[in-house]
């Protein structure tokens, strides 16, 4: 089985490539940039290219069975600044990708959607997949639109797909200098002796999932064989809530440096609570998260401590 990982040199992609290789896949990576934190994997075909380049996409999908679409050009907190760019660079380019997957007879597309933004302000938690989808940022709207296009291509042309609505992943290879990923950013600041900035009073609740559990879930999505009426959209998270203040307390237990916290005004893009109901994934994918938060944070800190962050 041969897999294409679009965005395979990023945080999730690097871990996924490692998991796919361990599972016996042949792997091709399409990415604009090399991995920041590790050398290329032996045996992987690396292609420097862009999802927005038609020729790159045509070449990348040839001979591929499973396409993992991880690449995205925007972030939840900044997507509202330029929603036109979000639409052009994510929705339009992904539809082009789906057309080429159809032409190349790709067996399945696995799309990384957003369990954190798709639903908007939740009516209840944990949030099931059939919860109303009312995103309050362009990022969530574009993710939802791509889900709909996946369903359209399946309905019209039989292109198989699975959507993984991911919560908040963390772990090794997460960029500590990024604008996204609370755990990685917080640990990076601690490592560099900088304060942690909290938007709001720290009561915002999120669902944090270790990257190893994410990798297993994505591979399970690839192997999943749905029938005509079976589910194709799955929440992938820990299924447990953790406030930012609780996260800070947990970090203090695993790091060996002082932790300074600065509180700033809340952002309109942040919903008060987001915890995913993962019962569907447990049942259909035969998957469940295994890593406890404290152990996952300890592993993340050990990895970030090994970096030279200047």
C-alpha atoms as a PDB file:
ATOM      1  CA  UNK A   1       0.000   0.000   0.000  1.00  0.00           C
ATOM      2  CA  UNK A   2       1.369   3.421  -0.965  1.00  0.00           C
ATOM      3  CA  UNK A   3       0.489   6.621   0.878  1.00  0.00           C
ATOM      4  CA  UNK A   4       0.930  10.280  -0.003  1.00  0.00           C
ATOM      5  CA  UNK A   5       1.225  12.617   2.986  1.00  0.00           C
ATOM      6  CA  UNK A   6       0.583  16.215   1.968  1.00  0.00           C
ATOM      7  CA  UNK A   7       2.281  18.333   4.588  1.00  0.00           C
ATOM      8  CA  UNK A   8       4.344  15.336   5.656  1.00  0.00           C
ATOM      9  CA  UNK A   9       7.237  17.383   7.038  1.00  0.00           C
ATOM     10  CA  UNK A  10       5.151  19.185   9.642  1.00  0.00           C
ATOM     11  CA  UNK A  11       4.332  18.218  13.215  1.00  0.00           C
ATOM     12  CA  UNK A  12       1.516  15.767  12.527  1.00  0.00           C
ATOM     13  CA  UNK A  13       2.970  14.714   9.188  1.00  0.00           C
ATOM     14  CA  UNK A  14       6.384  13.704  10.513  1.00  0.00           C
ATOM     15  CA  UNK A  15       4.828  11.516  13.191  1.00  0.00           C
ATOM     16  CA  UNK A  16       2.342  10.058  10.699  1.00  0.00           C
ATOM     17  CA  UNK A  17       5.098   9.177   8.204  1.00  0.00           C
ATOM     18  CA  UNK A  18       6.962   7.328  10.949  1.00  0.00           C
ATOM     19  CA  UNK A  19       3.794   5.432  11.869  1.00  0.00           C
ATOM     20  CA  UNK A  20       3.007   4.560   8.248  1.00  0.00           C
ATOM     21  CA  UNK A  21       6.505   3.188   7.704  1.00  0.00           C
ATOM     22  CA  UNK A  22       6.211   1.055  10.827  1.00  0.00           C
ATOM     23  CA  UNK A  23       2.900  -0.243   9.483  1.00  0.00           C
ATOM     24  CA  UNK A  24       4.454  -1.354   6.199  1.00  0.00           C
ATOM     25  CA  UNK A  25       3.391   1.486   3.903  1.00  0.00           C
ATOM     26  CA  UNK A  26       5.431   2.916   1.073  1.00  0.00           C
ATOM     27  CA  UNK A  27       5.376   6.668   1.645  1.00  0.00           C
ATOM     28  CA  UNK A  28       5.641   9.763  -0.539  1.00  0.00           C
ATOM     29  CA  UNK A  29       5.703  13.230   1.047  1.00  0.00           C
ATOM     30  CA  UNK A  30       4.619  16.439  -0.677  1.00  0.00           C
ATOM     31  CA  UNK A  31       5.684  19.551   1.226  1.00  0.00           C
ATOM     32  CA  UNK A  32       7.016  23.021   0.548  1.00  0.00           C
ATOM     33  CA  UNK A  33       9.612  22.833   3.299  1.00  0.00           C
ATOM     34  CA  UNK A  34      11.882  20.217   4.895  1.00  0.00           C
ATOM     35  CA  UNK A  35      11.273  19.002   8.428  1.00  0.00           C
ATOM     36  CA  UNK A  36      12.528  21.429  11.057  1.00  0.00           C
ATOM     37  CA  UNK A  37      13.571  18.927  13.673  1.00  0.00           C
ATOM     38  CA  UNK A  38      14.580  15.621  12.156  1.00  0.00           C
ATOM     39  CA  UNK A  39      16.420  14.124   9.215  1.00  0.00           C
ATOM     40  CA  UNK A  40      14.443  12.581   6.326  1.00  0.00           C
ATOM     41  CA  UNK A  41      13.253   9.012   6.808  1.00  0.00           C
ATOM     42  CA  UNK A  42      15.105   6.377   4.826  1.00  0.00           C
ATOM     43  CA  UNK A  43      13.011   4.941   2.035  1.00  0.00           C
ATOM     44  CA  UNK A  44      10.560   7.847   1.854  1.00  0.00           C
ATOM     45  CA  UNK A  45      10.109   9.674  -1.460  1.00  0.00           C
ATOM     46  CA  UNK A  46      10.250  13.387  -0.707  1.00  0.00           C
ATOM     47  CA  UNK A  47       8.758  15.789  -3.227  1.00  0.00           C
ATOM     48  CA  UNK A  48       9.237  19.542  -2.819  1.00  0.00           C
ATOM     49  CA  UNK A  49       6.031  21.102  -4.051  1.00  0.00           C
ATOM     50  CA  UNK A  50       2.893  23.040  -3.270  1.00  0.00           C
ATOM     51  CA  UNK A  51      -0.731  21.952  -3.005  1.00  0.00           C
ATOM     52  CA  UNK A  52      -1.577  25.027  -5.063  1.00  0.00           C
ATOM     53  CA  UNK A  53       0.629  23.899  -7.961  1.00  0.00           C
ATOM     54  CA  UNK A  54      -1.468  21.820 -10.345  1.00  0.00           C
ATOM     55  CA  UNK A  55       1.519  20.024 -11.852  1.00  0.00           C
ATOM     56  CA  UNK A  56       2.936  19.140  -8.432  1.00  0.00           C
ATOM     57  CA  UNK A  57      -0.365  17.609  -7.397  1.00  0.00           C
ATOM     58  CA  UNK A  58      -0.779  15.593 -10.610  1.00  0.00           C
ATOM     59  CA  UNK A  59       2.667  14.066 -10.143  1.00  0.00           C
ATOM     60  CA  UNK A  60       2.246  13.485  -6.405  1.00  0.00           C
ATOM     61  CA  UNK A  61      -0.957  11.442  -6.607  1.00  0.00           C
ATOM     62  CA  UNK A  62       0.231   9.052  -9.338  1.00  0.00           C
ATOM     63  CA  UNK A  63       0.324   5.452  -8.130  1.00  0.00           C
ATOM     64  CA  UNK A  64      -1.038   6.374  -4.688  1.00  0.00           C
ATOM     65  CA  UNK A  65      -3.597   4.350  -2.726  1.00  0.00           C
ATOM     66  CA  UNK A  66      -4.202   6.601   0.292  1.00  0.00           C
ATOM     67  CA  UNK A  67      -3.850  10.390   0.397  1.00  0.00           C
ATOM     68  CA  UNK A  68      -3.485  12.049   3.803  1.00  0.00           C
ATOM     69  CA  UNK A  69      -4.310  15.746   3.445  1.00  0.00           C
ATOM     70  CA  UNK A  70      -2.647  17.611   6.318  1.00  0.00           C
ATOM     71  CA  UNK A  71      -1.544  20.849   4.639  1.00  0.00           C
ATOM     72  CA  UNK A  72      -3.321  24.106   5.498  1.00  0.00           C
ATOM     73  CA  UNK A  73      -2.330  27.733   4.939  1.00  0.00           C
ATOM     74  CA  UNK A  74      -4.279  29.437   7.740  1.00  0.00           C
ATOM     75  CA  UNK A  75      -4.747  29.269  11.508  1.00  0.00           C
ATOM     76  CA  UNK A  76      -7.983  29.628  13.497  1.00  0.00           C
ATOM     77  CA  UNK A  77      -6.936  32.869  15.207  1.00  0.00           C
ATOM     78  CA  UNK A  78      -5.767  34.611  12.021  1.00  0.00           C
ATOM     79  CA  UNK A  79      -8.079  33.188   9.333  1.00  0.00           C
ATOM     80  CA  UNK A  80     -10.685  35.926   9.830  1.00  0.00           C
ATOM     81  CA  UNK A  81      -8.077  38.544   8.880  1.00  0.00           C
ATOM     82  CA  UNK A  82      -8.156  37.409   5.246  1.00  0.00           C
ATOM     83  CA  UNK A  83     -10.989  34.948   4.569  1.00  0.00           C
ATOM     84  CA  UNK A  84     -10.554  35.341   0.796  1.00  0.00           C
ATOM     85  CA  UNK A  85      -7.039  33.912   1.082  1.00  0.00           C
ATOM     86  CA  UNK A  86      -8.412  31.087   3.224  1.00  0.00           C
ATOM     87  CA  UNK A  87     -10.952  30.181   0.533  1.00  0.00           C
ATOM     88  CA  UNK A  88      -8.521  30.432  -2.372  1.00  0.00           C
ATOM     89  CA  UNK A  89      -5.591  28.600  -0.823  1.00  0.00           C
ATOM     90  CA  UNK A  90      -7.475  25.889   1.036  1.00  0.00           C
ATOM     91  CA  UNK A  91     -10.892  25.176  -0.461  1.00  0.00           C
ATOM     92  CA  UNK A  92     -10.005  25.784  -4.127  1.00  0.00           C
ATOM     93  CA  UNK A  93      -6.679  23.932  -3.943  1.00  0.00           C
ATOM     94  CA  UNK A  94      -8.260  20.994  -2.129  1.00  0.00           C
ATOM     95  CA  UNK A  95     -11.026  20.664  -4.720  1.00  0.00           C
ATOM     96  CA  UNK A  96      -8.287  20.573  -7.376  1.00  0.00           C
ATOM     97  CA  UNK A  97      -6.586  17.834  -5.342  1.00  0.00           C
ATOM     98  CA  UNK A  98      -9.805  15.818  -5.216  1.00  0.00           C
ATOM     99  CA  UNK A  99     -10.207  16.083  -8.971  1.00  0.00           C
ATOM    100  CA  UNK A 100      -6.711  14.702  -9.470  1.00  0.00           C
ATOM    101  CA  UNK A 101      -7.305  11.935  -6.914  1.00  0.00           C
ATOM    102  CA  UNK A 102     -10.358  10.921  -8.898  1.00  0.00           C
ATOM    103  CA  UNK A 103      -8.406  10.932 -12.171  1.00  0.00           C
ATOM    104  CA  UNK A 104      -5.552   8.906 -10.623  1.00  0.00           C
ATOM    105  CA  UNK A 105      -7.964   6.345  -9.090  1.00  0.00           C
ATOM    106  CA  UNK A 106      -6.812   7.039  -5.541  1.00  0.00           C
ATOM    107  CA  UNK A 107      -8.556   4.599  -3.202  1.00  0.00           C
ATOM    108  CA  UNK A 108      -9.133   6.929  -0.256  1.00  0.00           C
ATOM    109  CA  UNK A 109      -8.541  10.478   0.979  1.00  0.00           C
ATOM    110  CA  UNK A 110      -8.049  11.026   4.718  1.00  0.00           C
ATOM    111  CA  UNK A 111      -8.646  14.667   5.596  1.00  0.00           C
ATOM    112  CA  UNK A 112      -7.551  16.357   8.803  1.00  0.00           C
ATOM    113  CA  UNK A 113     -10.459  18.574   9.792  1.00  0.00           C
ATOM    114  CA  UNK A 114     -10.907  20.579  12.980  1.00  0.00           C
ATOM    115  CA  UNK A 115     -12.871  19.320  15.946  1.00  0.00           C
ATOM    116  CA  UNK A 116     -11.891  22.538  17.690  1.00  0.00           C
ATOM    117  CA  UNK A 117     -13.522  24.966  15.241  1.00  0.00           C
ATOM    118  CA  UNK A 118     -16.093  23.059  13.159  1.00  0.00           C
ATOM    119  CA  UNK A 119     -18.775  23.123  15.853  1.00  0.00           C
ATOM    120  CA  UNK A 120     -18.507  26.727  17.033  1.00  0.00           C
ATOM    121  CA  UNK A 121     -19.907  27.442  20.499  1.00  0.00           C
ATOM    122  CA  UNK A 122     -21.107  24.004  21.654  1.00  0.00           C
ATOM    123  CA  UNK A 123     -24.636  23.387  22.854  1.00  0.00           C
ATOM    124  CA  UNK A 124     -23.322  20.504  24.965  1.00  0.00           C
ATOM    125  CA  UNK A 125     -20.092  18.693  25.758  1.00  0.00           C
ATOM    126  CA  UNK A 126     -18.699  16.235  24.946  1.00  0.00           C
ATOM    127  CA  UNK A 127     -19.564  17.201  21.367  1.00  0.00           C
ATOM    128  CA  UNK A 128     -20.810  14.406  19.064  1.00  0.00           C
ATOM    129  CA  UNK A 129     -20.271  14.437  15.313  1.00  0.00           C
ATOM    130  CA  UNK A 130     -23.956  15.198  14.646  1.00  0.00           C
ATOM    131  CA  UNK A 131     -23.780  18.391  16.729  1.00  0.00           C
ATOM    132  CA  UNK A 132     -24.732  21.534  14.740  1.00  0.00           C
ATOM    133  CA  UNK A 133     -21.773  23.025  12.864  1.00  0.00           C
ATOM    134  CA  UNK A 134     -21.643  26.784  13.381  1.00  0.00           C
ATOM    135  CA  UNK A 135     -17.960  27.784  13.166  1.00  0.00           C
ATOM    136  CA  UNK A 136     -17.071  31.309  14.268  1.00  0.00           C
ATOM    137  CA  UNK A 137     -13.834  31.585  12.282  1.00  0.00           C
ATOM    138  CA  UNK A 138     -13.028  31.300   8.586  1.00  0.00           C
ATOM    139  CA  UNK A 139     -10.691  28.380   9.321  1.00  0.00           C
ATOM    140  CA  UNK A 140     -13.596  26.296  10.632  1.00  0.00           C
ATOM    141  CA  UNK A 141     -15.841  27.307   7.745  1.00  0.00           C
ATOM    142  CA  UNK A 142     -13.258  26.285   5.146  1.00  0.00           C
ATOM    143  CA  UNK A 143     -12.627  22.962   6.902  1.00  0.00           C
ATOM    144  CA  UNK A 144     -16.369  22.295   6.882  1.00  0.00           C
ATOM    145  CA  UNK A 145     -16.636  23.231   3.206  1.00  0.00           C
ATOM    146  CA  UNK A 146     -13.904  20.718   2.345  1.00  0.00           C
ATOM    147  CA  UNK A 147     -15.788  18.032   4.264  1.00  0.00           C
ATOM    148  CA  UNK A 148     -18.808  18.786   2.077  1.00  0.00           C
ATOM    149  CA  UNK A 149     -16.744  18.565  -1.114  1.00  0.00           C
ATOM    150  CA  UNK A 150     -15.363  15.213  -0.007  1.00  0.00           C
ATOM    151  CA  UNK A 151     -18.909  13.972   0.402  1.00  0.00           C
ATOM    152  CA  UNK A 152     -19.834  15.411  -3.009  1.00  0.00           C
ATOM    153  CA  UNK A 153     -16.954  13.621  -4.765  1.00  0.00           C
ATOM    154  CA  UNK A 154     -17.929  10.400  -3.006  1.00  0.00           C
ATOM    155  CA  UNK A 155     -21.588  10.794  -3.974  1.00  0.00           C
ATOM    156  CA  UNK A 156     -20.933  11.650  -7.620  1.00  0.00           C
ATOM    157  CA  UNK A 157     -17.827   9.637  -8.440  1.00  0.00           C
ATOM    158  CA  UNK A 158     -17.256   7.159  -5.629  1.00  0.00           C
ATOM    159  CA  UNK A 159     -14.049   8.715  -4.266  1.00  0.00           C
ATOM    160  CA  UNK A 160     -13.728   7.155  -0.814  1.00  0.00           C
ATOM    161  CA  UNK A 161     -12.833   9.371   2.121  1.00  0.00           C
ATOM    162  CA  UNK A 162     -12.650   9.659   5.889  1.00  0.00           C
ATOM    163  CA  UNK A 163     -12.659  12.903   7.869  1.00  0.00           C
ATOM    164  CA  UNK A 164     -10.750  13.115  11.159  1.00  0.00           C
ATOM    165  CA  UNK A 165     -12.020  16.049  13.219  1.00  0.00           C
ATOM    166  CA  UNK A 166      -8.971  16.510  15.376  1.00  0.00           C
ATOM    167  CA  UNK A 167      -8.941  18.205  18.763  1.00  0.00           C
ATOM    168  CA  UNK A 168      -5.688  19.745  20.103  1.00  0.00           C
ATOM    169  CA  UNK A 169      -2.680  17.543  19.322  1.00  0.00           C
ATOM    170  CA  UNK A 170       0.615  17.851  21.158  1.00  0.00           C
ATOM    171  CA  UNK A 171       3.883  15.956  21.445  1.00  0.00           C
ATOM    172  CA  UNK A 172       7.280  15.495  19.854  1.00  0.00           C
ATOM    173  CA  UNK A 173       8.065  17.500  16.692  1.00  0.00           C
ATOM    174  CA  UNK A 174       5.537  20.235  17.584  1.00  0.00           C
ATOM    175  CA  UNK A 175       7.039  23.609  16.700  1.00  0.00           C
ATOM    176  CA  UNK A 176       7.503  25.564  19.959  1.00  0.00           C
ATOM    177  CA  UNK A 177       7.790  28.812  17.973  1.00  0.00           C
ATOM    178  CA  UNK A 178       4.445  28.376  16.207  1.00  0.00           C
ATOM    179  CA  UNK A 179       1.332  30.476  16.773  1.00  0.00           C
ATOM    180  CA  UNK A 180      -0.752  27.307  17.184  1.00  0.00           C
ATOM    181  CA  UNK A 181      -0.523  24.454  19.668  1.00  0.00           C
ATOM    182  CA  UNK A 182      -0.763  25.525  23.297  1.00  0.00           C
ATOM    183  CA  UNK A 183       1.347  22.727  24.758  1.00  0.00           C
ATOM    184  CA  UNK A 184       4.255  23.165  22.359  1.00  0.00           C
ATOM    185  CA  UNK A 185       4.214  26.968  22.600  1.00  0.00           C
ATOM    186  CA  UNK A 186       3.969  26.932  26.401  1.00  0.00           C
ATOM    187  CA  UNK A 187       6.815  24.445  26.780  1.00  0.00           C
ATOM    188  CA  UNK A 188       8.913  26.389  24.298  1.00  0.00           C
ATOM    189  CA  UNK A 189       8.445  29.564  26.328  1.00  0.00           C
ATOM    190  CA  UNK A 190       9.343  27.748  29.536  1.00  0.00           C
ATOM    191  CA  UNK A 191      12.488  26.346  27.917  1.00  0.00           C
ATOM    192  CA  UNK A 192      13.530  29.853  26.863  1.00  0.00           C
ATOM    193  CA  UNK A 193      12.652  31.465  30.197  1.00  0.00           C
ATOM    194  CA  UNK A 194       9.775  33.440  28.708  1.00  0.00           C
ATOM    195  CA  UNK A 195       6.336  33.914  30.300  1.00  0.00           C
ATOM    196  CA  UNK A 196       3.309  31.970  29.087  1.00  0.00           C
ATOM    197  CA  UNK A 197       0.556  34.193  27.694  1.00  0.00           C
ATOM    198  CA  UNK A 198      -3.028  33.169  28.449  1.00  0.00           C
ATOM    199  CA  UNK A 199      -5.871  34.770  26.506  1.00  0.00           C
ATOM    200  CA  UNK A 200      -8.641  35.356  29.060  1.00  0.00           C
ATOM    201  CA  UNK A 201      -8.755  34.090  32.635  1.00  0.00           C
ATOM    202  CA  UNK A 202      -7.549  30.550  31.893  1.00  0.00           C
ATOM    203  CA  UNK A 203     -10.979  28.958  32.208  1.00  0.00           C
ATOM    204  CA  UNK A 204     -11.160  28.016  28.499  1.00  0.00           C
ATOM    205  CA  UNK A 205     -11.440  24.224  28.267  1.00  0.00           C
ATOM    206  CA  UNK A 206      -9.872  22.176  25.495  1.00  0.00           C
ATOM    207  CA  UNK A 207      -9.348  18.530  24.568  1.00  0.00           C
ATOM    208  CA  UNK A 208      -5.626  17.661  24.297  1.00  0.00           C
ATOM    209  CA  UNK A 209      -4.512  14.498  22.505  1.00  0.00           C
ATOM    210  CA  UNK A 210      -1.017  13.043  22.269  1.00  0.00           C
ATOM    211  CA  UNK A 211       0.463  12.804  18.770  1.00  0.00           C
ATOM    212  CA  UNK A 212       1.071   9.060  19.022  1.00  0.00           C
ATOM    213  CA  UNK A 213      -2.649   8.527  19.548  1.00  0.00           C
ATOM    214  CA  UNK A 214      -3.376  10.813  16.588  1.00  0.00           C
ATOM    215  CA  UNK A 215      -1.083   8.767  14.354  1.00  0.00           C
ATOM    216  CA  UNK A 216      -2.810   5.523  15.291  1.00  0.00           C
ATOM    217  CA  UNK A 217      -6.198   7.117  14.628  1.00  0.00           C
ATOM    218  CA  UNK A 218      -5.221   8.354  11.155  1.00  0.00           C
ATOM    219  CA  UNK A 219      -3.878   4.959  10.154  1.00  0.00           C
ATOM    220  CA  UNK A 220      -7.086   3.394  11.480  1.00  0.00           C
ATOM    221  CA  UNK A 221      -9.027   5.836   9.261  1.00  0.00           C
ATOM    222  CA  UNK A 222      -7.044   4.650   6.246  1.00  0.00           C
ATOM    223  CA  UNK A 223      -7.762   0.991   6.995  1.00  0.00           C
ATOM    224  CA  UNK A 224     -11.434   1.559   7.786  1.00  0.00           C
ATOM    225  CA  UNK A 225     -13.761   0.086   5.159  1.00  0.00           C
ATOM    226  CA  UNK A 226     -17.133   1.857   5.392  1.00  0.00           C
ATOM    227  CA  UNK A 227     -20.261   0.563   3.748  1.00  0.00           C
ATOM    228  CA  UNK A 228     -22.595   2.804   1.715  1.00  0.00           C
ATOM    229  CA  UNK A 229     -24.420   4.101   4.801  1.00  0.00           C
ATOM    230  CA  UNK A 230     -21.576   3.933   7.328  1.00  0.00           C
ATOM    231  CA  UNK A 231     -20.026   6.935   9.059  1.00  0.00           C
ATOM    232  CA  UNK A 232     -17.113   8.702   7.411  1.00  0.00           C
ATOM    233  CA  UNK A 233     -16.639  11.580   9.860  1.00  0.00           C
ATOM    234  CA  UNK A 234     -14.959  10.981  13.217  1.00  0.00           C
ATOM    235  CA  UNK A 235     -13.989  13.070  16.223  1.00  0.00           C
ATOM    236  CA  UNK A 236     -10.415  12.300  17.231  1.00  0.00           C
ATOM    237  CA  UNK A 237      -9.482  13.554  20.677  1.00  0.00           C
ATOM    238  CA  UNK A 238      -8.784  12.546  24.236  1.00  0.00           C
ATOM    239  CA  UNK A 239     -12.472  12.907  25.069  1.00  0.00           C
ATOM    240  CA  UNK A 240     -11.578  14.765  28.275  1.00  0.00           C
ATOM    241  CA  UNK A 241     -11.585  18.467  29.080  1.00  0.00           C
ATOM    242  CA  UNK A 242      -8.672  20.426  30.517  1.00  0.00           C
ATOM    243  CA  UNK A 243      -8.764  24.166  31.220  1.00  0.00           C
ATOM    244  CA  UNK A 244      -5.751  26.319  30.458  1.00  0.00           C
ATOM    245  CA  UNK A 245      -5.207  26.818  34.175  1.00  0.00           C
ATOM    246  CA  UNK A 246      -5.275  23.043  34.712  1.00  0.00           C
ATOM    247  CA  UNK A 247      -2.834  22.636  31.826  1.00  0.00           C
ATOM    248  CA  UNK A 248      -0.454  25.124  33.446  1.00  0.00           C
ATOM    249  CA  UNK A 249      -0.669  23.222  36.735  1.00  0.00           C
ATOM    250  CA  UNK A 250       0.102  19.963  34.902  1.00  0.00           C
ATOM    251  CA  UNK A 251       3.073  21.550  33.126  1.00  0.00           C
ATOM    252  CA  UNK A 252       4.499  22.747  36.435  1.00  0.00           C
ATOM    253  CA  UNK A 253       4.598  19.121  37.575  1.00  0.00           C
ATOM    254  CA  UNK A 254       6.776  17.940  34.672  1.00  0.00           C
ATOM    255  CA  UNK A 255       9.172  20.817  33.969  1.00  0.00           C
ATOM    256  CA  UNK A 256      12.284  21.695  35.951  1.00  0.00           C
ATOM    257  CA  UNK A 257      12.164  25.444  35.359  1.00  0.00           C
ATOM    258  CA  UNK A 258      10.100  28.354  36.754  1.00  0.00           C
ATOM    259  CA  UNK A 259       6.748  28.954  35.041  1.00  0.00           C
ATOM    260  CA  UNK A 260       5.567  32.555  34.681  1.00  0.00           C
ATOM    261  CA  UNK A 261       2.028  33.201  33.433  1.00  0.00           C
ATOM    262  CA  UNK A 262       0.649  36.450  31.991  1.00  0.00           C
ATOM    263  CA  UNK A 263      -3.106  36.883  31.487  1.00  0.00           C
ATOM    264  CA  UNK A 264      -4.385  39.075  28.641  1.00  0.00           C
ATOM    265  CA  UNK A 265      -7.900  39.929  27.338  1.00  0.00           C
ATOM    266  CA  UNK A 266      -9.878  37.042  25.836  1.00  0.00           C
ATOM    267  CA  UNK A 267     -10.216  36.619  22.065  1.00  0.00           C
ATOM    268  CA  UNK A 268     -13.534  36.517  20.221  1.00  0.00           C
ATOM    269  CA  UNK A 269     -12.385  33.460  18.228  1.00  0.00           C
ATOM    270  CA  UNK A 270     -12.068  31.266  21.350  1.00  0.00           C
ATOM    271  CA  UNK A 271     -15.139  29.252  22.359  1.00  0.00           C
ATOM    272  CA  UNK A 272     -15.410  28.674  26.125  1.00  0.00           C
ATOM    273  CA  UNK A 273     -15.282  24.886  25.994  1.00  0.00           C
ATOM    274  CA  UNK A 274     -14.510  22.222  23.402  1.00  0.00           C
ATOM    275  CA  UNK A 275     -14.391  18.547  24.372  1.00  0.00           C
ATOM    276  CA  UNK A 276     -15.066  15.870  21.768  1.00  0.00           C
ATOM    277  CA  UNK A 277     -17.264  12.809  22.046  1.00  0.00           C
ATOM    278  CA  UNK A 278     -15.047  10.051  20.624  1.00  0.00           C
ATOM    279  CA  UNK A 279     -17.423   7.112  21.069  1.00  0.00           C
ATOM    280  CA  UNK A 280     -18.010   6.785  17.304  1.00  0.00           C
ATOM    281  CA  UNK A 281     -14.275   6.460  16.605  1.00  0.00           C
ATOM    282  CA  UNK A 282     -13.919   3.892  19.372  1.00  0.00           C
ATOM    283  CA  UNK A 283     -16.718   1.789  17.908  1.00  0.00           C
ATOM    284  CA  UNK A 284     -16.070   2.108  14.166  1.00  0.00           C
ATOM    285  CA  UNK A 285     -12.286   2.464  14.033  1.00  0.00           C
ATOM    286  CA  UNK A 286     -11.516   0.183  16.969  1.00  0.00           C
ATOM    287  CA  UNK A 287      -9.335   2.987  18.293  1.00  0.00           C
ATOM    288  CA  UNK A 288      -8.977   4.752  21.618  1.00  0.00           C
ATOM    289  CA  UNK A 289      -6.403   7.184  23.043  1.00  0.00           C
ATOM    290  CA  UNK A 290      -3.831   5.546  25.301  1.00  0.00           C
ATOM    291  CA  UNK A 291      -1.536   8.326  26.525  1.00  0.00           C
ATOM    292  CA  UNK A 292      -2.358  10.076  29.810  1.00  0.00           C
ATOM    293  CA  UNK A 293      -1.858  13.844  29.781  1.00  0.00           C
ATOM    294  CA  UNK A 294       0.888  13.994  32.411  1.00  0.00           C
ATOM    295  CA  UNK A 295       3.010  11.336  30.678  1.00  0.00           C
ATOM    296  CA  UNK A 296       2.456  12.974  27.297  1.00  0.00           C
ATOM    297  CA  UNK A 297       3.521  16.340  28.671  1.00  0.00           C
ATOM    298  CA  UNK A 298       6.597  14.743  30.228  1.00  0.00           C
ATOM    299  CA  UNK A 299       7.606  13.264  26.857  1.00  0.00           C
ATOM    300  CA  UNK A 300       6.964  16.589  25.132  1.00  0.00           C
ATOM    301  CA  UNK A 301       9.117  18.431  27.669  1.00  0.00           C
ATOM    302  CA  UNK A 302      11.942  15.922  27.303  1.00  0.00           C
ATOM    303  CA  UNK A 303      11.945  16.449  23.538  1.00  0.00           C
ATOM    304  CA  UNK A 304      11.737  20.264  23.698  1.00  0.00           C
ATOM    305  CA  UNK A 305      14.475  20.316  26.346  1.00  0.00           C
ATOM    306  CA  UNK A 306      16.758  18.639  23.805  1.00  0.00           C
ATOM    307  CA  UNK A 307      16.382  21.542  21.367  1.00  0.00           C
ATOM    308  CA  UNK A 308      18.469  24.675  21.188  1.00  0.00           C
ATOM    309  CA  UNK A 309      15.836  27.414  21.225  1.00  0.00           C
ATOM    310  CA  UNK A 310      17.442  30.812  20.858  1.00  0.00           C
END
